[in-house]
Each structure stands twice: as structure tokens, then as C-alpha cells.
Amino acid sequence: MSGKKSNPPRLAIWLLRHTRPGGDNEALTGDLIERFREGQTHGWFWRQVLVAIAIYFLAEGRRHWPQICYAIAGTEMPRLLWETVDRSTGLPFNWYLLPWPLSQLFFELRVPTIVALAALPILAAALLINGTFRWLSVLRTGMITLALIALGHFMPDAFPWLLRPVEGSNHQFKEFIIPRVVMMALFFSSFLVSAWLGCRSPERADEKA
């Protein structure tokens, strides 16, 4: 048997070790390598790795379904509410009296903030059903979400090449050069990361350890 045949695909091993952390993953990796060296093919090894990764993500999805619900709701809220909120949002006070840059931040972020925070009740309800509700988790998630919203909102100012003129608008209106499907994936990821970081419980992690 050649040395190339006796060694499984390195990329498959890397994916398995980095997408399934933990002691069980090391045991699984060792078993798959042993089976491969007993005569299994590269195709067999890749299939086992992809199945193991899929099973891991399905299990994580069941365990973190409140965060996934929040990410789905947060991704859909702009499409459902943006125009309505933009037309109907009344300002309860004279925001322009605030010192700069607070006045500018309030004016530019008021609509995306309301749209984004509209998804927080979905997270709270899911956490209640899951038995893991904590006000601190919801508050932390909201703050992280707002930080990411502000970062994304002002990104074109730092990187103007991300925008291109809309055809037929005489360069008055611009749109992102990033494809819509990629934008949706970024929205989903940002809400998912916000919920994952916001709902982490160090106390429970210590108890399990």
C-alpha cells in the first residue's frame, strides 16, 4: 500500500476537527482514519466526514433553536417592517437638540434599530419555551445586535467602493455591489452571532465542567 493511499484527505480531517470540537470528535477521527487504512476509499472517508458534520450541526440546531429563530426573525424584519416603520415612526422629542454626534446617530439609526429590536420578543418567547429565559441574555443580545447594525450601517462610509449607482437614477441613489443572497446570509449570521454571544451562560458552563 502506498503512503498516499494510507493517508486520508487532510482537508477532510481539518474540517472534521474544526467543526466538531471535543473529545468525542478526536475518537471519531481516529476511528475513521483506522478504517481508511484498513482499505476504505477517499470517497468513503469524505462521506463519513460530511455525515458526521451534518449530524453535529443538526444536534446544535436543536439545542440552539431559540437563537436560530431570532436570526430568522431578524433577517425577515427589514423586509416586513422597514417601509412601514420609516413612514410611521414619530420622534418623541426634538432629536436635533442632542449634541453631535448623538443627534446624527439617532437620526440615522432610529429605523434600523426599531426594525432589528422587533425580533427580540421572538427570542424572549423562544427562551421561555426552552426554559432558559434570562433578561440579561435578551438585553445582551439586543446590545450586540445594535453594535453590529451600527457597524454595517456605517460600513459604506469607510468603504465607498461597496456601493454603485442605481441605473437610471442619475447617480443620486446607490446600492450595494454585494449580491442579495450574500446580504441575506450576512444578516442571518449577524443576528445568529448576536444571539449566541448574548445567550451564553458562563455559570452553566462551569456547572457542566
Protein backbone atom coordinates (compact mmCIF):
# COMPACT_ATOMS: atom_id res chain seq x y z
CA MET A 1 0.00 0.00 0.00
CA SER A 2 1.42 3.40 -0.97
CA GLY A 3 1.94 6.20 1.52
CA LYS A 4 -0.58 8.35 -0.34
CA LYS A 5 -3.23 5.64 -0.06
CA SER A 6 -2.61 5.12 3.65
CA ASN A 7 -3.17 8.80 4.45
CA PRO A 8 -6.76 10.13 4.46
CA PRO A 9 -7.60 13.52 2.89
CA ARG A 10 -6.07 16.28 5.01
CA LEU A 11 -8.83 18.75 4.23
CA ALA A 12 -11.49 16.30 5.41
CA ILE A 13 -9.63 15.76 8.69
CA TRP A 14 -9.23 19.52 9.16
CA LEU A 15 -12.95 20.12 8.60
CA LEU A 16 -13.90 17.34 10.98
CA ARG A 17 -11.64 18.59 13.76
CA HIS A 18 -12.64 22.26 13.41
CA THR A 19 -16.40 21.82 13.02
CA ARG A 20 -16.87 19.17 15.73
CA PRO A 21 -14.79 20.22 18.75
CA GLY A 22 -14.49 17.93 21.75
CA GLY A 23 -13.10 14.61 22.90
CA ASP A 24 -15.73 12.57 21.07
CA ASN A 25 -14.58 14.18 17.83
CA GLU A 26 -11.00 13.02 18.38
CA ALA A 27 -12.21 9.47 18.94
CA LEU A 28 -14.34 9.63 15.78
CA THR A 29 -11.41 10.99 13.77
CA GLY A 30 -9.19 8.18 14.99
CA ASP A 31 -11.78 5.53 14.11
CA LEU A 32 -12.26 6.91 10.60
CA ILE A 33 -8.52 7.06 9.95
CA GLU A 34 -8.14 3.48 11.16
CA ARG A 35 -10.98 2.27 8.92
CA PHE A 36 -9.47 4.16 5.98
CA ARG A 37 -6.09 2.49 6.45
CA GLU A 38 -7.83 -0.88 6.52
CA GLY A 39 -8.86 -0.39 2.92
CA GLN A 40 -11.63 2.22 2.62
CA THR A 41 -11.52 4.79 -0.19
CA HIS A 42 -11.16 8.58 -0.19
CA GLY A 43 -14.80 8.87 -1.27
CA TRP A 44 -15.91 6.76 1.70
CA PHE A 45 -13.86 8.92 4.08
CA TRP A 46 -15.37 12.14 2.72
CA ARG A 47 -18.91 10.74 3.02
CA GLN A 48 -18.35 9.78 6.66
CA VAL A 49 -16.91 13.21 7.45
CA LEU A 50 -19.79 15.09 5.80
CA VAL A 51 -22.39 12.90 7.54
CA ALA A 52 -20.69 13.46 10.91
CA ILE A 53 -20.61 17.23 10.35
CA ALA A 54 -24.27 17.27 9.27
CA ILE A 55 -25.33 15.29 12.35
CA TYR A 56 -23.37 17.67 14.58
CA PHE A 57 -24.99 20.77 13.10
CA LEU A 58 -28.46 19.21 13.35
CA ALA A 59 -27.85 18.49 17.02
CA GLU A 60 -26.55 22.02 17.59
CA GLY A 61 -29.58 23.40 15.76
CA ARG A 62 -31.94 21.53 18.07
CA ARG A 63 -30.01 22.75 21.11
CA HIS A 64 -29.85 26.39 19.97
CA TRP A 65 -33.19 26.70 18.20
CA PRO A 66 -34.13 29.95 20.06
CA GLN A 67 -31.08 31.67 18.59
CA ILE A 68 -31.91 30.33 15.13
CA CYS A 69 -35.49 31.61 15.44
CA TYR A 70 -34.11 35.04 16.38
CA ALA A 71 -31.78 35.02 13.37
CA ILE A 72 -34.64 34.10 11.02
CA ALA A 73 -36.91 36.77 12.52
CA GLY A 74 -34.17 39.40 12.40
CA THR A 75 -33.44 38.61 8.76
CA GLU A 76 -37.10 38.90 7.78
CA MET A 77 -37.97 42.01 9.83
CA PRO A 78 -36.38 44.55 7.43
CA ARG A 79 -38.37 43.16 4.52
CA LEU A 80 -41.63 43.13 6.50
CA LEU A 81 -41.39 46.34 8.52
CA TRP A 82 -38.84 48.72 7.01
CA GLU A 83 -41.16 50.86 4.88
CA THR A 84 -43.93 50.86 7.49
CA VAL A 85 -41.62 51.96 10.28
CA ASP A 86 -39.90 54.52 8.08
CA ARG A 87 -43.25 56.18 7.29
CA SER A 88 -44.88 55.93 10.69
CA THR A 89 -42.05 56.36 13.19
CA GLY A 90 -42.69 59.50 15.15
CA LEU A 91 -39.90 61.13 17.08
CA PRO A 92 -40.96 61.71 20.69
CA PHE A 93 -38.62 64.66 21.17
CA ASN A 94 -36.51 67.08 19.21
CA TRP A 95 -33.63 64.76 18.38
CA TYR A 96 -31.75 67.57 16.64
CA LEU A 97 -31.25 69.24 20.02
CA LEU A 98 -28.97 66.38 21.08
CA PRO A 99 -25.23 67.10 20.94
CA TRP A 100 -23.38 65.87 17.88
CA PRO A 101 -22.66 63.03 17.11
CA LEU A 102 -25.59 61.68 19.19
CA SER A 103 -28.08 63.58 17.05
CA GLN A 104 -26.62 62.14 13.85
CA LEU A 105 -26.52 58.62 15.26
CA PHE A 106 -30.11 58.86 16.49
CA PHE A 107 -31.38 60.12 13.16
CA GLU A 108 -29.55 57.58 11.00
CA LEU A 109 -30.06 54.52 13.20
CA ARG A 110 -33.60 55.04 14.52
CA VAL A 111 -35.34 52.99 11.81
CA PRO A 112 -32.87 50.05 11.59
CA THR A 113 -32.80 49.94 15.39
CA ILE A 114 -36.57 49.61 15.69
CA VAL A 115 -36.69 47.05 12.91
CA ALA A 116 -33.92 44.97 14.48
CA LEU A 117 -35.24 45.13 18.04
CA ALA A 118 -38.64 43.99 16.79
CA ALA A 119 -37.12 40.50 16.65
CA LEU A 120 -36.20 40.45 20.35
CA PRO A 121 -39.69 39.33 21.52
CA ILE A 122 -39.26 36.26 19.29
CA LEU A 123 -36.04 35.41 21.11
CA ALA A 124 -37.61 36.03 24.52
CA ALA A 125 -40.59 33.78 23.73
CA ALA A 126 -38.33 31.02 22.41
CA LEU A 127 -36.12 31.18 25.51
CA LEU A 128 -39.21 30.98 27.73
CA ILE A 129 -40.39 27.87 25.89
CA ASN A 130 -36.89 26.41 26.09
CA GLY A 131 -36.70 27.11 29.83
CA THR A 132 -33.55 29.23 29.52
CA PHE A 133 -35.01 32.75 29.62
CA ARG A 134 -32.95 35.44 31.33
CA TRP A 135 -33.44 39.18 31.00
CA LEU A 136 -29.66 39.60 30.86
CA SER A 137 -29.46 37.33 27.81
CA VAL A 138 -32.11 39.34 25.95
CA LEU A 139 -30.52 42.67 26.91
CA ARG A 140 -27.06 41.49 25.93
CA THR A 141 -28.33 40.17 22.61
CA GLY A 142 -30.03 43.49 21.86
CA MET A 143 -26.87 45.47 22.60
CA ILE A 144 -24.68 43.23 20.44
CA THR A 145 -27.25 43.42 17.64
CA LEU A 146 -27.27 47.22 17.79
CA ALA A 147 -23.48 47.30 17.67
CA LEU A 148 -23.44 45.12 14.56
CA ILE A 149 -26.22 47.20 12.97
CA ALA A 150 -24.22 50.39 13.54
CA LEU A 151 -21.11 48.74 12.10
CA GLY A 152 -22.97 47.62 8.99
CA HIS A 153 -24.79 50.94 8.59
CA PHE A 154 -21.60 53.00 8.51
CA MET A 155 -19.56 50.46 6.54
CA PRO A 156 -20.21 52.22 3.19
CA ASP A 157 -18.77 55.43 4.64
CA ALA A 158 -15.50 53.65 5.32
CA PHE A 159 -15.57 51.59 2.12
CA PRO A 160 -17.42 53.61 -0.56
CA TRP A 161 -16.46 51.10 -3.24
CA LEU A 162 -19.10 48.78 -1.76
CA LEU A 163 -21.77 50.97 -3.38
CA ARG A 164 -22.61 51.53 -7.04
CA PRO A 165 -25.07 53.96 -8.65
CA VAL A 166 -28.55 52.66 -9.43
CA GLU A 167 -29.21 52.65 -13.15
CA GLY A 168 -31.47 55.48 -14.27
CA SER A 169 -31.15 57.46 -11.04
CA ASN A 170 -28.55 60.00 -12.26
CA HIS A 171 -26.18 58.73 -9.55
CA GLN A 172 -28.49 60.03 -6.79
CA PHE A 173 -29.24 56.58 -5.38
CA LYS A 174 -26.76 53.81 -4.76
CA GLU A 175 -26.95 50.13 -3.93
CA PHE A 176 -24.56 47.52 -2.58
CA ILE A 177 -22.43 45.62 -5.04
CA ILE A 178 -22.83 42.56 -2.79
CA PRO A 179 -25.44 40.12 -4.18
CA ARG A 180 -28.73 39.99 -2.32
CA VAL A 181 -28.32 36.37 -1.29
CA VAL A 182 -24.97 37.21 0.29
CA MET A 183 -26.53 40.18 2.09
CA MET A 184 -29.26 37.93 3.48
CA ALA A 185 -26.63 35.45 4.65
CA LEU A 186 -24.73 38.28 6.39
CA PHE A 187 -27.92 39.49 8.07
CA PHE A 188 -28.71 35.98 9.28
CA SER A 189 -25.16 35.41 10.52
CA SER A 190 -25.06 38.72 12.41
CA PHE A 191 -28.30 38.01 14.25
CA LEU A 192 -27.23 34.43 14.97
CA VAL A 193 -23.86 35.57 16.35
CA SER A 194 -25.59 38.25 18.45
CA ALA A 195 -27.96 35.69 20.00
CA TRP A 196 -25.22 33.12 20.51
CA LEU A 197 -22.97 35.61 22.31
CA GLY A 198 -25.84 37.24 24.19
CA CYS A 199 -27.34 34.00 25.49
CA ARG A 200 -24.13 32.37 26.65
CA SER A 201 -24.22 31.32 30.27
CA PRO A 202 -20.78 31.06 31.92
CA GLU A 203 -22.38 29.83 35.16
CA ARG A 204 -23.99 26.86 33.48
CA ALA A 205 -20.85 26.09 31.53
CA ASP A 206 -18.94 25.93 34.83
CA GLU A 207 -21.58 23.63 36.32
CA LYS A 208 -21.25 21.21 33.39
CA ALA A 209 -17.49 21.23 33.71
